[in-house]
Amino acid sequence: MKANGTVFKYGDNVDTDVIIPARYLNVSEPSELAAHCMEDIDREFIHHVKKGDIIVANKNFGCGSSREHAPIAIKAAGISCVIAETFARIFYRNAINIGLPIIECPEAANDIEAGDQVEIDFDSGMIYDRTKGTEYKGQAFPEFMQKIIAAEGLINYINNR
């Protein structure tokens, strides 16, 4: 599996309240959640994001509440992967459970900039910044996680077995 797209860059401690503000938690339709994704931290995000784009952030991405709405909103907005120095543990689990690829890679998180064109090979964990001509070794997904992501989430994976 591969992903490639334009980078949206954020800093440390991007919490679930700015990924999808609490005022939209009564919404369950992924497309409606996507319409408000990142609006409290980046009002222009939803107007510029395209299918396949990538979020890069620093430490503790997805901290805050344990709401599954946050990774659903990101995925439904078209983001193909989130790269961060570190992720909040519950966000990490929720992302995998709904089939949103995420990779921890401190070097990539620090070096990649907004607007860079990035390609990710999930099989090897390699991250290529095509804009700068640099590459980074992130953690490859174990086979079972790749199957969950390919199935678009844990529920689909289980139902397909």
Protein backbone atom coordinates (compact mmCIF):
# COMPACT_ATOMS: atom_id res chain seq x y z
CA MET A 1 0.00 0.00 0.00
CA LYS A 2 1.13 3.52 -0.78
CA ALA A 3 -0.06 7.05 -0.25
CA ASN A 4 1.04 10.34 -1.70
CA GLY A 5 -0.16 13.89 -1.41
CA THR A 6 0.42 17.43 -0.25
CA VAL A 7 1.30 18.04 3.40
CA PHE A 8 -0.69 20.00 5.94
CA LYS A 9 1.65 20.69 8.88
CA TYR A 10 0.75 21.18 12.54
CA GLY A 11 2.70 21.41 15.78
CA ASP A 12 2.58 19.72 19.18
CA ASN A 13 -0.51 18.62 21.11
CA VAL A 14 -3.12 18.81 18.36
CA ASP A 15 -6.05 17.61 20.40
CA THR A 16 -9.29 16.01 19.35
CA ASP A 17 -11.19 19.22 20.16
CA VAL A 18 -9.45 21.03 17.31
CA ILE A 19 -9.51 18.04 14.98
CA ILE A 20 -13.31 17.94 15.31
CA PRO A 21 -14.81 20.53 17.67
CA ALA A 22 -17.15 19.24 20.38
CA ARG A 23 -20.05 21.24 18.96
CA TYR A 24 -20.20 18.72 16.07
CA LEU A 25 -20.17 15.54 18.16
CA ASN A 26 -23.90 15.07 17.64
CA VAL A 27 -23.08 14.39 13.97
CA SER A 28 -22.25 10.82 12.98
CA GLU A 29 -22.11 11.03 9.17
CA PRO A 30 -18.42 10.98 8.14
CA SER A 31 -18.91 13.55 5.36
CA GLU A 32 -20.48 16.01 7.80
CA LEU A 33 -17.64 15.48 10.27
CA ALA A 34 -15.15 16.04 7.44
CA ALA A 35 -16.77 19.40 6.63
CA HIS A 36 -15.65 20.66 10.06
CA CYS A 37 -12.31 18.85 10.31
CA MET A 38 -9.50 21.03 11.71
CA GLU A 39 -11.65 24.18 11.53
CA ASP A 40 -10.63 25.46 14.97
CA ILE A 41 -6.90 25.22 14.17
CA ASP A 42 -6.93 25.79 10.39
CA ARG A 43 -10.04 27.36 8.85
CA GLU A 44 -8.67 26.86 5.33
CA PHE A 45 -7.93 23.13 5.71
CA ILE A 46 -11.26 21.83 4.44
CA HIS A 47 -11.19 24.24 1.47
CA HIS A 48 -7.78 23.04 0.29
CA VAL A 49 -7.49 19.37 1.29
CA LYS A 50 -7.65 16.86 -1.54
CA LYS A 51 -8.06 13.11 -1.48
CA GLY A 52 -4.68 11.55 -0.70
CA ASP A 53 -3.21 14.53 1.16
CA ILE A 54 -1.18 13.98 4.33
CA ILE A 55 -1.12 15.55 7.78
CA VAL A 56 2.28 15.91 9.47
CA ALA A 57 2.46 16.97 13.10
CA ASN A 58 4.86 16.96 16.00
CA LYS A 59 4.36 15.42 19.45
CA ASN A 60 1.19 13.99 20.97
CA PHE A 61 -1.14 14.24 17.95
CA GLY A 62 -4.73 13.34 18.87
CA CYS A 63 -4.47 14.02 22.59
CA GLY A 64 -7.54 14.95 24.58
CA SER A 65 -10.76 13.01 24.63
CA SER A 66 -11.04 9.49 23.30
CA ARG A 67 -13.61 10.36 20.65
CA GLU A 68 -13.50 8.24 17.54
CA HIS A 69 -14.96 11.19 15.63
CA ALA A 70 -11.47 12.71 15.23
CA PRO A 71 -9.86 10.04 13.04
CA ILE A 72 -13.17 9.55 11.19
CA ALA A 73 -13.24 13.27 10.30
CA ILE A 74 -9.62 13.18 9.13
CA LYS A 75 -10.15 10.10 6.98
CA ALA A 76 -13.44 11.37 5.55
CA ALA A 77 -11.75 14.68 4.64
CA GLY A 78 -9.50 12.68 2.29
CA ILE A 79 -6.32 12.43 4.34
CA SER A 80 -4.43 9.25 3.36
CA CYS A 81 -2.02 9.21 6.32
CA VAL A 82 -0.99 11.13 9.42
CA ILE A 83 2.71 11.27 10.25
CA ALA A 84 3.68 12.51 13.70
CA GLU A 85 6.55 12.41 16.14
CA THR A 86 4.17 10.71 18.60
CA PHE A 87 0.46 10.00 18.88
CA ALA A 88 -1.85 9.91 21.86
CA ARG A 89 -2.43 6.23 22.61
CA ILE A 90 -6.23 6.22 22.25
CA PHE A 91 -6.09 8.23 19.01
CA TYR A 92 -3.58 5.71 17.65
CA ARG A 93 -5.92 2.81 18.40
CA ASN A 94 -9.00 4.62 17.09
CA ALA A 95 -7.19 5.51 13.85
CA ILE A 96 -6.22 1.91 13.16
CA ASN A 97 -9.70 0.70 14.15
CA ILE A 98 -11.33 2.93 11.51
CA GLY A 99 -8.65 2.27 8.89
CA LEU A 100 -6.71 5.56 8.97
CA PRO A 101 -2.99 4.94 8.41
CA ILE A 102 -0.71 6.69 10.90
CA ILE A 103 3.06 6.56 11.22
CA GLU A 104 5.35 7.69 14.03
CA CYS A 105 8.58 9.10 12.65
CA PRO A 106 10.22 11.96 14.58
CA GLU A 107 12.70 12.86 11.82
CA ALA A 108 10.00 13.13 9.14
CA ALA A 109 7.68 15.03 11.51
CA ASN A 110 10.40 17.60 12.20
CA ASP A 111 11.76 18.01 8.65
CA ILE A 112 8.72 17.85 6.37
CA GLU A 113 7.04 21.20 5.78
CA ALA A 114 3.57 22.37 4.77
CA GLY A 115 3.08 22.09 1.03
CA ASP A 116 5.73 19.40 0.50
CA GLN A 117 4.79 16.49 -1.75
CA VAL A 118 5.22 13.27 0.23
CA GLU A 119 4.93 9.60 -0.68
CA ILE A 120 4.62 6.79 1.85
CA ASP A 121 5.20 3.08 1.33
CA PHE A 122 3.28 1.36 4.12
CA ASP A 123 4.87 -2.03 3.43
CA SER A 124 8.39 -0.76 4.18
CA GLY A 125 7.56 2.26 6.37
CA MET A 126 9.56 4.51 4.03
CA ILE A 127 8.53 8.16 3.77
CA TYR A 128 9.77 10.14 0.77
CA ASP A 129 9.66 13.93 0.69
CA ARG A 130 9.60 14.39 -3.09
CA THR A 131 9.85 18.17 -2.74
CA LYS A 132 13.15 18.05 -0.83
CA GLY A 133 14.48 14.72 -2.13
CA THR A 134 14.80 13.30 1.38
CA GLU A 135 13.64 9.99 2.83
CA TYR A 136 12.86 8.71 6.29
CA LYS A 137 12.39 5.29 7.82
CA GLY A 138 9.13 5.13 9.70
CA GLN A 139 7.68 2.04 11.29
CA ALA A 140 6.17 -0.38 8.78
CA PHE A 141 2.71 -1.64 9.61
CA PRO A 142 2.55 -5.27 10.72
CA GLU A 143 0.65 -7.44 8.24
CA PHE A 144 -2.48 -7.67 10.41
CA MET A 145 -2.67 -3.86 10.67
CA GLN A 146 -2.26 -3.52 6.91
CA LYS A 147 -5.20 -5.89 6.50
CA ILE A 148 -7.34 -3.80 8.88
CA ILE A 149 -6.46 -0.60 6.99
CA ALA A 150 -7.05 -2.24 3.59
CA ALA A 151 -10.48 -3.39 4.83
CA GLU A 152 -11.26 0.24 5.80
CA GLY A 153 -11.34 -0.59 9.50
CA LEU A 154 -11.54 -3.29 12.14
CA ILE A 155 -15.30 -3.93 11.84
CA ASN A 156 -15.03 -4.51 8.08
CA TYR A 157 -11.97 -6.69 8.59
CA ILE A 158 -13.80 -8.88 11.09
CA ASN A 159 -16.95 -9.03 8.96
CA ASN A 160 -14.91 -10.05 5.89
CA ARG A 161 -13.19 -12.94 7.66
